[in-house]
């Protein structure tokens, strides 16, 4: 009775390792429609971040009234309220962030550049979160105060950006561990 060889051939082993499936295709980016007043997509994104429980109309009211308050607070400024808001967002947008990376049992904070869409998202979320933490009567008042502070390069959201940059600068020696 002949003994059969139950070992696999080397070529069969290689094909088993190569059959690992790739991840699915990345989902399509959703198209965000511009807002009704300024016809600006960034305003719509900001309002979407500001929104709670699907109440977009309330978010629009808060945003537009905040811009009116900004215009009232800064009457001597030649820029429009929307331009002030855009400049404020630009002032609090971080360029680099640190990500944790484990190398040989030690965790390093590795500075990495941020993708443009993530930069925008981070700046909007920071502006809104620091506005919510502020003292004030209405959310429109708080948001207006935070926009004015960000425009003048001060306030919580601007400080967060400065802290992110400072951490990245302090950990610049680990930049060679980039992902």
C-alpha atoms as a PDB file:
ATOM      1  CA  UNK A   1       0.000   0.000   0.000  1.00  0.00           C
ATOM      2  CA  UNK A   2       1.715   3.216  -1.134  1.00  0.00           C
ATOM      3  CA  UNK A   3       1.963   6.118   1.311  1.00  0.00           C
ATOM      4  CA  UNK A   4       0.509   9.369  -0.067  1.00  0.00           C
ATOM      5  CA  UNK A   5       2.348  12.642   0.379  1.00  0.00           C
ATOM      6  CA  UNK A   6       0.031  14.948   2.370  1.00  0.00           C
ATOM      7  CA  UNK A   7       2.419  17.930   2.344  1.00  0.00           C
ATOM      8  CA  UNK A   8       1.466  20.809   0.071  1.00  0.00           C
ATOM      9  CA  UNK A   9       3.629  21.811  -2.789  1.00  0.00           C
ATOM     10  CA  UNK A  10       5.508  25.145  -2.362  1.00  0.00           C
ATOM     11  CA  UNK A  11       3.588  26.767  -5.230  1.00  0.00           C
ATOM     12  CA  UNK A  12       0.263  25.956  -3.535  1.00  0.00           C
ATOM     13  CA  UNK A  13       1.472  27.536  -0.278  1.00  0.00           C
ATOM     14  CA  UNK A  14       2.374  30.767  -2.049  1.00  0.00           C
ATOM     15  CA  UNK A  15      -1.059  31.063  -3.645  1.00  0.00           C
ATOM     16  CA  UNK A  16      -2.724  30.676  -0.235  1.00  0.00           C
ATOM     17  CA  UNK A  17      -0.824  33.687   1.097  1.00  0.00           C
ATOM     18  CA  UNK A  18      -1.615  35.774  -1.981  1.00  0.00           C
ATOM     19  CA  UNK A  19      -5.373  35.213  -1.682  1.00  0.00           C
ATOM     20  CA  UNK A  20      -5.684  37.823   1.086  1.00  0.00           C
ATOM     21  CA  UNK A  21      -8.496  40.105   0.013  1.00  0.00           C
ATOM     22  CA  UNK A  22      -7.914  43.816  -0.371  1.00  0.00           C
ATOM     23  CA  UNK A  23     -10.065  46.243   1.557  1.00  0.00           C
ATOM     24  CA  UNK A  24     -13.185  47.527  -0.090  1.00  0.00           C
ATOM     25  CA  UNK A  25     -13.046  50.602  -2.279  1.00  0.00           C
ATOM     26  CA  UNK A  26     -13.212  53.897  -0.436  1.00  0.00           C
ATOM     27  CA  UNK A  27     -16.718  55.351  -0.177  1.00  0.00           C
ATOM     28  CA  UNK A  28     -17.613  58.261  -2.408  1.00  0.00           C
ATOM     29  CA  UNK A  29     -17.401  61.733  -0.861  1.00  0.00           C
ATOM     30  CA  UNK A  30     -20.849  63.160  -0.291  1.00  0.00           C
ATOM     31  CA  UNK A  31     -21.650  66.316  -2.180  1.00  0.00           C
ATOM     32  CA  UNK A  32     -22.511  69.110   0.231  1.00  0.00           C
ATOM     33  CA  UNK A  33     -24.813  71.775  -1.158  1.00  0.00           C
ATOM     34  CA  UNK A  34     -23.929  75.444  -0.605  1.00  0.00           C
ATOM     35  CA  UNK A  35     -25.856  77.447   1.993  1.00  0.00           C
ATOM     36  CA  UNK A  36     -28.858  79.583   0.925  1.00  0.00           C
ATOM     37  CA  UNK A  37     -27.547  83.039   1.940  1.00  0.00           C
ATOM     38  CA  UNK A  38     -23.858  83.125   0.957  1.00  0.00           C
ATOM     39  CA  UNK A  39     -23.854  80.176  -1.507  1.00  0.00           C
ATOM     40  CA  UNK A  40     -20.751  78.821   0.216  1.00  0.00           C
ATOM     41  CA  UNK A  41     -20.024  75.129   0.804  1.00  0.00           C
ATOM     42  CA  UNK A  42     -17.782  75.872   3.824  1.00  0.00           C
ATOM     43  CA  UNK A  43     -20.711  77.558   5.578  1.00  0.00           C
ATOM     44  CA  UNK A  44     -22.816  74.424   5.017  1.00  0.00           C
ATOM     45  CA  UNK A  45     -20.055  72.219   6.443  1.00  0.00           C
ATOM     46  CA  UNK A  46     -19.748  74.499   9.474  1.00  0.00           C
ATOM     47  CA  UNK A  47     -23.502  74.431  10.047  1.00  0.00           C
ATOM     48  CA  UNK A  48     -23.462  70.619   9.766  1.00  0.00           C
ATOM     49  CA  UNK A  49     -20.824  70.484  12.521  1.00  0.00           C
ATOM     50  CA  UNK A  50     -22.854  72.934  14.609  1.00  0.00           C
ATOM     51  CA  UNK A  51     -26.080  70.957  14.227  1.00  0.00           C
ATOM     52  CA  UNK A  52     -27.596  68.840  16.996  1.00  0.00           C
ATOM     53  CA  UNK A  53     -30.276  66.167  16.411  1.00  0.00           C
ATOM     54  CA  UNK A  54     -30.754  67.044  12.742  1.00  0.00           C
ATOM     55  CA  UNK A  55     -31.944  70.583  13.495  1.00  0.00           C
ATOM     56  CA  UNK A  56     -30.265  72.298  10.565  1.00  0.00           C
ATOM     57  CA  UNK A  57     -32.594  75.317  10.471  1.00  0.00           C
ATOM     58  CA  UNK A  58     -31.756  76.128  14.078  1.00  0.00           C
ATOM     59  CA  UNK A  59     -28.056  75.820  13.247  1.00  0.00           C
ATOM     60  CA  UNK A  60     -28.418  78.199  10.305  1.00  0.00           C
ATOM     61  CA  UNK A  61     -30.216  80.730  12.541  1.00  0.00           C
ATOM     62  CA  UNK A  62     -27.452  80.489  15.150  1.00  0.00           C
ATOM     63  CA  UNK A  63     -24.722  80.914  12.516  1.00  0.00           C
ATOM     64  CA  UNK A  64     -26.307  83.862  10.699  1.00  0.00           C
ATOM     65  CA  UNK A  65     -27.147  85.673  13.950  1.00  0.00           C
ATOM     66  CA  UNK A  66     -23.568  85.071  15.143  1.00  0.00           C
ATOM     67  CA  UNK A  67     -22.278  86.722  11.956  1.00  0.00           C
ATOM     68  CA  UNK A  68     -24.592  89.693  12.565  1.00  0.00           C
ATOM     69  CA  UNK A  69     -23.238  90.011  16.122  1.00  0.00           C
ATOM     70  CA  UNK A  70     -19.669  89.847  14.748  1.00  0.00           C
ATOM     71  CA  UNK A  71     -20.502  92.668  12.326  1.00  0.00           C
ATOM     72  CA  UNK A  72     -21.958  94.717  15.207  1.00  0.00           C
ATOM     73  CA  UNK A  73     -18.884  94.052  17.405  1.00  0.00           C
ATOM     74  CA  UNK A  74     -16.449  95.084  14.654  1.00  0.00           C
ATOM     75  CA  UNK A  75     -18.040  98.081  12.882  1.00  0.00           C
ATOM     76  CA  UNK A  76     -14.719  99.699  11.907  1.00  0.00           C
ATOM     77  CA  UNK A  77     -13.577  96.576  10.014  1.00  0.00           C
ATOM     78  CA  UNK A  78     -13.851  96.960   6.232  1.00  0.00           C
ATOM     79  CA  UNK A  79     -14.296  93.203   5.696  1.00  0.00           C
ATOM     80  CA  UNK A  80     -17.716  91.564   5.634  1.00  0.00           C
ATOM     81  CA  UNK A  81     -18.794  89.258   8.468  1.00  0.00           C
ATOM     82  CA  UNK A  82     -18.282  86.196   6.226  1.00  0.00           C
ATOM     83  CA  UNK A  83     -14.704  87.265   5.412  1.00  0.00           C
ATOM     84  CA  UNK A  84     -14.025  87.800   9.133  1.00  0.00           C
ATOM     85  CA  UNK A  85     -15.325  84.267   9.815  1.00  0.00           C
ATOM     86  CA  UNK A  86     -13.141  82.805   7.024  1.00  0.00           C
ATOM     87  CA  UNK A  87     -10.060  84.635   8.336  1.00  0.00           C
ATOM     88  CA  UNK A  88     -10.861  83.394  11.867  1.00  0.00           C
ATOM     89  CA  UNK A  89     -11.053  79.794  10.568  1.00  0.00           C
ATOM     90  CA  UNK A  90      -7.770  80.282   8.726  1.00  0.00           C
ATOM     91  CA  UNK A  91      -6.127  81.578  11.930  1.00  0.00           C
ATOM     92  CA  UNK A  92      -7.123  78.490  13.936  1.00  0.00           C
ATOM     93  CA  UNK A  93      -6.360  75.881  11.245  1.00  0.00           C
ATOM     94  CA  UNK A  94      -3.459  73.639  12.332  1.00  0.00           C
ATOM     95  CA  UNK A  95      -0.816  72.572   9.807  1.00  0.00           C
ATOM     96  CA  UNK A  96       0.676  69.612  11.737  1.00  0.00           C
ATOM     97  CA  UNK A  97      -0.515  67.221  14.417  1.00  0.00           C
ATOM     98  CA  UNK A  98       1.103  64.460  16.447  1.00  0.00           C
ATOM     99  CA  UNK A  99       0.077  60.811  16.169  1.00  0.00           C
ATOM    100  CA  UNK A 100       1.100  58.049  18.569  1.00  0.00           C
ATOM    101  CA  UNK A 101       3.362  55.395  17.067  1.00  0.00           C
ATOM    102  CA  UNK A 102       4.723  52.341  18.878  1.00  0.00           C
ATOM    103  CA  UNK A 103       8.297  51.495  17.984  1.00  0.00           C
ATOM    104  CA  UNK A 104      10.154  48.795  19.895  1.00  0.00           C
ATOM    105  CA  UNK A 105       8.006  48.942  23.012  1.00  0.00           C
ATOM    106  CA  UNK A 106       8.127  52.723  23.302  1.00  0.00           C
ATOM    107  CA  UNK A 107       5.354  55.081  22.192  1.00  0.00           C
ATOM    108  CA  UNK A 108       6.462  58.144  20.278  1.00  0.00           C
ATOM    109  CA  UNK A 109       4.460  61.223  19.373  1.00  0.00           C
ATOM    110  CA  UNK A 110       5.228  61.519  15.661  1.00  0.00           C
ATOM    111  CA  UNK A 111       4.462  64.859  13.968  1.00  0.00           C
ATOM    112  CA  UNK A 112       2.566  64.466  10.694  1.00  0.00           C
ATOM    113  CA  UNK A 113       1.097  66.934   8.231  1.00  0.00           C
ATOM    114  CA  UNK A 114      -2.679  67.111   8.056  1.00  0.00           C
ATOM    115  CA  UNK A 115      -4.733  66.542   4.898  1.00  0.00           C
ATOM    116  CA  UNK A 116      -6.570  69.700   3.716  1.00  0.00           C
ATOM    117  CA  UNK A 117     -10.077  68.326   4.326  1.00  0.00           C
ATOM    118  CA  UNK A 118      -9.094  67.236   7.846  1.00  0.00           C
ATOM    119  CA  UNK A 119      -7.532  70.656   8.539  1.00  0.00           C
ATOM    120  CA  UNK A 120     -10.831  72.315   7.709  1.00  0.00           C
ATOM    121  CA  UNK A 121     -12.809  69.854   9.803  1.00  0.00           C
ATOM    122  CA  UNK A 122     -10.503  70.213  12.839  1.00  0.00           C
ATOM    123  CA  UNK A 123     -10.648  74.010  12.732  1.00  0.00           C
ATOM    124  CA  UNK A 124     -14.447  74.031  12.513  1.00  0.00           C
ATOM    125  CA  UNK A 125     -14.838  71.535  15.339  1.00  0.00           C
ATOM    126  CA  UNK A 126     -12.389  73.456  17.544  1.00  0.00           C
ATOM    127  CA  UNK A 127     -14.179  76.755  16.935  1.00  0.00           C
ATOM    128  CA  UNK A 128     -17.552  75.216  17.802  1.00  0.00           C
ATOM    129  CA  UNK A 129     -16.346  73.254  20.857  1.00  0.00           C
ATOM    130  CA  UNK A 130     -14.598  76.262  22.391  1.00  0.00           C
ATOM    131  CA  UNK A 131     -17.643  78.425  21.645  1.00  0.00           C
ATOM    132  CA  UNK A 132     -19.837  75.915  23.502  1.00  0.00           C
ATOM    133  CA  UNK A 133     -17.519  75.996  26.541  1.00  0.00           C
ATOM    134  CA  UNK A 134     -17.634  79.804  26.666  1.00  0.00           C
ATOM    135  CA  UNK A 135     -19.792  81.838  28.987  1.00  0.00           C
ATOM    136  CA  UNK A 136     -22.584  83.793  27.361  1.00  0.00           C
ATOM    137  CA  UNK A 137     -26.320  83.920  26.963  1.00  0.00           C
ATOM    138  CA  UNK A 138     -27.028  82.309  23.609  1.00  0.00           C
ATOM    139  CA  UNK A 139     -24.963  80.053  21.365  1.00  0.00           C
ATOM    140  CA  UNK A 140     -24.916  82.853  18.776  1.00  0.00           C
ATOM    141  CA  UNK A 141     -23.267  85.178  21.335  1.00  0.00           C
ATOM    142  CA  UNK A 142     -20.710  82.534  22.295  1.00  0.00           C
ATOM    143  CA  UNK A 143     -19.940  81.705  18.660  1.00  0.00           C
ATOM    144  CA  UNK A 144     -19.610  85.383  17.752  1.00  0.00           C
ATOM    145  CA  UNK A 145     -17.183  85.958  20.644  1.00  0.00           C
ATOM    146  CA  UNK A 146     -15.078  82.969  19.631  1.00  0.00           C
ATOM    147  CA  UNK A 147     -15.026  84.112  15.976  1.00  0.00           C
ATOM    148  CA  UNK A 148     -13.849  87.596  17.009  1.00  0.00           C
ATOM    149  CA  UNK A 149     -11.167  86.080  19.277  1.00  0.00           C
ATOM    150  CA  UNK A 150      -9.980  83.715  16.531  1.00  0.00           C
ATOM    151  CA  UNK A 151      -9.861  86.629  14.097  1.00  0.00           C
ATOM    152  CA  UNK A 152      -7.678  88.536  16.578  1.00  0.00           C
ATOM    153  CA  UNK A 153      -5.491  85.407  17.097  1.00  0.00           C
ATOM    154  CA  UNK A 154      -6.550  84.711  20.663  1.00  0.00           C
ATOM    155  CA  UNK A 155      -9.124  82.569  22.468  1.00  0.00           C
ATOM    156  CA  UNK A 156      -9.428  78.847  23.117  1.00  0.00           C
ATOM    157  CA  UNK A 157      -9.453  77.592  19.533  1.00  0.00           C
ATOM    158  CA  UNK A 158      -6.334  79.604  18.622  1.00  0.00           C
ATOM    159  CA  UNK A 159      -4.596  78.342  21.772  1.00  0.00           C
ATOM    160  CA  UNK A 160      -5.428  74.736  20.756  1.00  0.00           C
ATOM    161  CA  UNK A 161      -3.757  75.293  17.365  1.00  0.00           C
ATOM    162  CA  UNK A 162      -0.681  76.802  19.036  1.00  0.00           C
ATOM    163  CA  UNK A 163      -0.487  73.825  21.434  1.00  0.00           C
ATOM    164  CA  UNK A 164      -0.700  71.353  18.539  1.00  0.00           C
ATOM    165  CA  UNK A 165       2.128  73.146  16.733  1.00  0.00           C
ATOM    166  CA  UNK A 166       4.213  73.334  19.903  1.00  0.00           C
ATOM    167  CA  UNK A 167       3.830  69.570  20.510  1.00  0.00           C
ATOM    168  CA  UNK A 168       4.801  68.839  16.906  1.00  0.00           C
ATOM    169  CA  UNK A 169       7.853  71.100  17.210  1.00  0.00           C
ATOM    170  CA  UNK A 170       8.917  69.441  20.477  1.00  0.00           C
ATOM    171  CA  UNK A 171       8.667  65.984  18.889  1.00  0.00           C
ATOM    172  CA  UNK A 172      10.315  66.914  15.596  1.00  0.00           C
ATOM    173  CA  UNK A 173      13.166  64.508  16.364  1.00  0.00           C
ATOM    174  CA  UNK A 174      10.751  61.586  15.819  1.00  0.00           C
ATOM    175  CA  UNK A 175       9.612  62.769  12.377  1.00  0.00           C
ATOM    176  CA  UNK A 176      11.579  59.923  10.748  1.00  0.00           C
ATOM    177  CA  UNK A 177       9.058  57.448  12.267  1.00  0.00           C
ATOM    178  CA  UNK A 178       6.375  58.780   9.890  1.00  0.00           C
ATOM    179  CA  UNK A 179       3.658  56.360   8.844  1.00  0.00           C
END
